[in-house]
Amino acid sequence: MWHQQILTLSAKPRGFHLVTDEIVDALSALRNINTGLLHLLLQHTSASLTLNENCDPTVRSDMEQHFMRHVPEDAPYQHDYEGRDDMPAHIKSSTLGVSLLLPVQRGRLVLGTWQGIWLGEHRIDGGARRIVATLQGESND
């Protein structure tokens, strides 16, 4: 079985956001997969997807502070006509990546106890974000 759909995540402020539930809730076809894979592709160049700590929100704020220190907005970037936060957002997106490949078993993502899907919003005002979700695997039928 193959299934593909576009998911739209609501606009979020700059920072790292736990979006596991938002993705799973929007992907009803996930329940139909017995064993398979979910590929997620974020269709943007100024945000990222990553898998990390799902429990303590201070991990997300520490991650944001790390990237703000190491990829500062006030560096002398040539690409600056979309705002001071744009080029740093591209660097952060390339560093973390825009896709994830996750195992599915019995209609659920197979994640570690402390793992969750994060959206890294690297713009001050990035807006809604689109993800292409592609499921493949054996159906429950």
Protein backbone atom coordinates (compact mmCIF):
# COMPACT_ATOMS: atom_id res chain seq x y z
CA MET A 1 0.00 0.00 0.00
CA TRP A 2 1.14 3.51 -0.83
CA HIS A 3 -0.46 6.72 0.42
CA GLN A 4 0.68 10.30 -0.03
CA GLN A 5 -0.80 13.54 1.23
CA ILE A 6 0.17 17.12 1.96
CA LEU A 7 0.01 18.10 5.61
CA THR A 8 -0.15 21.76 6.60
CA LEU A 9 1.28 22.67 9.98
CA SER A 10 -0.09 25.80 11.59
CA ALA A 11 2.16 28.88 11.72
CA LYS A 12 4.51 28.87 14.68
CA PRO A 13 6.90 31.44 16.15
CA ARG A 14 10.64 31.05 15.67
CA GLY A 15 12.00 28.14 17.68
CA PHE A 16 11.65 24.39 17.93
CA HIS A 17 8.18 22.88 18.22
CA LEU A 18 7.04 19.35 19.03
CA VAL A 19 4.70 18.44 16.15
CA THR A 20 4.38 14.65 16.47
CA ASP A 21 0.70 14.74 17.45
CA GLU A 22 -0.15 17.35 14.80
CA ILE A 23 1.35 15.11 12.10
CA VAL A 24 -0.15 11.83 13.38
CA ASP A 25 -3.60 13.39 13.83
CA ALA A 26 -3.59 14.69 10.25
CA LEU A 27 -2.47 11.35 8.78
CA SER A 28 -5.46 9.03 9.22
CA ALA A 29 -3.99 6.49 6.74
CA LEU A 30 -1.28 5.70 9.30
CA ARG A 31 -3.79 3.51 11.18
CA ASN A 32 -4.04 1.23 8.12
CA ILE A 33 -0.34 0.29 8.03
CA ASN A 34 0.71 -2.92 9.77
CA THR A 35 4.43 -2.70 8.93
CA GLY A 36 5.95 0.09 6.88
CA LEU A 37 7.65 3.45 6.62
CA LEU A 38 6.60 7.08 6.79
CA HIS A 39 8.68 9.59 4.87
CA LEU A 40 8.19 13.27 5.73
CA LEU A 41 9.50 16.04 3.46
CA LEU A 42 9.20 19.65 4.60
CA GLN A 43 8.71 21.78 1.46
CA HIS A 44 10.59 24.82 2.73
CA THR A 45 14.18 26.09 2.86
CA SER A 46 13.95 28.15 6.04
CA ALA A 47 12.62 25.52 8.46
CA SER A 48 13.68 22.00 9.40
CA LEU A 49 12.49 18.63 10.68
CA THR A 50 14.38 16.63 13.26
CA LEU A 51 13.80 13.91 15.82
CA ASN A 52 14.64 14.75 19.41
CA GLU A 53 13.51 14.97 23.06
CA ASN A 54 9.72 14.92 23.43
CA CYS A 55 9.33 15.52 27.15
CA ASP A 56 11.33 18.47 28.48
CA PRO A 57 10.60 21.72 26.60
CA THR A 58 13.85 23.25 27.86
CA VAL A 59 15.68 21.03 25.36
CA ARG A 60 13.89 22.88 22.55
CA SER A 61 14.74 26.30 23.99
CA ASP A 62 18.38 25.26 24.54
CA MET A 63 18.54 24.08 20.93
CA GLU A 64 17.19 27.43 19.73
CA GLN A 65 19.77 29.31 21.83
CA HIS A 66 22.55 27.12 20.42
CA PHE A 67 21.61 27.92 16.83
CA MET A 68 21.13 31.63 17.56
CA ARG A 69 24.71 31.76 18.93
CA HIS A 70 26.30 29.70 16.17
CA VAL A 71 24.32 31.08 13.23
CA PRO A 72 23.79 34.74 14.19
CA GLU A 73 21.45 37.05 12.32
CA ASP A 74 23.89 39.96 12.45
CA ALA A 75 26.65 38.23 10.45
CA PRO A 76 27.51 39.90 7.11
CA TYR A 77 25.43 37.70 4.78
CA GLN A 78 25.10 38.65 1.12
CA HIS A 79 21.62 37.14 0.86
CA ASP A 80 19.67 39.59 2.99
CA TYR A 81 16.87 41.04 0.85
CA GLU A 82 14.24 38.82 2.52
CA GLY A 83 15.26 39.98 5.99
CA ARG A 84 18.08 39.44 8.47
CA ASP A 85 16.61 36.13 9.59
CA ASP A 86 16.43 34.58 6.10
CA MET A 87 20.01 33.50 5.37
CA PRO A 88 20.54 32.15 8.90
CA ALA A 89 17.27 30.21 8.43
CA HIS A 90 18.66 28.60 5.24
CA ILE A 91 21.84 27.57 7.07
CA LYS A 92 19.89 26.06 9.97
CA SER A 93 17.57 24.23 7.57
CA SER A 94 20.51 22.71 5.69
CA THR A 95 22.28 21.78 8.92
CA LEU A 96 19.31 19.94 10.43
CA GLY A 97 17.60 18.76 7.24
CA VAL A 98 14.06 18.76 5.91
CA SER A 99 13.14 15.07 5.86
CA LEU A 100 12.65 12.12 8.18
CA LEU A 101 12.15 8.40 7.49
CA LEU A 102 10.28 6.71 10.33
CA PRO A 103 9.20 3.10 10.92
CA VAL A 104 5.51 2.26 11.32
CA GLN A 105 4.17 -0.80 13.12
CA ARG A 106 0.53 -1.68 13.84
CA GLY A 107 -0.69 1.77 12.81
CA ARG A 108 1.74 3.73 14.99
CA LEU A 109 5.10 5.41 14.60
CA VAL A 110 7.88 3.36 16.17
CA LEU A 111 9.75 6.03 18.10
CA GLY A 112 11.90 5.78 21.20
CA THR A 113 10.27 6.64 24.53
CA TRP A 114 11.75 10.15 24.55
CA GLN A 115 11.64 10.85 20.80
CA GLY A 116 9.33 13.29 19.07
CA ILE A 117 9.17 15.04 15.71
CA TRP A 118 10.29 18.66 15.90
CA LEU A 119 9.63 21.47 13.47
CA GLY A 120 12.47 23.96 13.57
CA GLU A 121 10.95 27.30 12.59
CA HIS A 122 13.92 29.46 11.71
CA ARG A 123 12.11 32.61 10.54
CA ILE A 124 10.58 35.23 12.81
CA ASP A 125 7.34 34.94 10.82
CA GLY A 126 7.57 31.76 8.76
CA GLY A 127 3.87 31.09 8.31
CA ALA A 128 2.18 27.73 7.81
CA ARG A 129 4.50 24.91 6.70
CA ARG A 130 3.73 22.10 4.23
CA ILE A 131 4.96 18.54 4.61
CA VAL A 132 4.62 15.80 1.99
CA ALA A 133 3.86 12.62 3.94
CA THR A 134 4.42 9.36 2.05
CA LEU A 135 3.38 6.07 3.64
CA GLN A 136 4.37 2.69 2.28
CA GLY A 137 3.85 -0.71 3.78
CA GLU A 138 1.61 -3.69 4.38
CA SER A 139 -1.95 -2.72 5.14
CA ASN A 140 -3.94 -4.16 8.04
CA ASP A 141 -6.54 -5.59 5.64
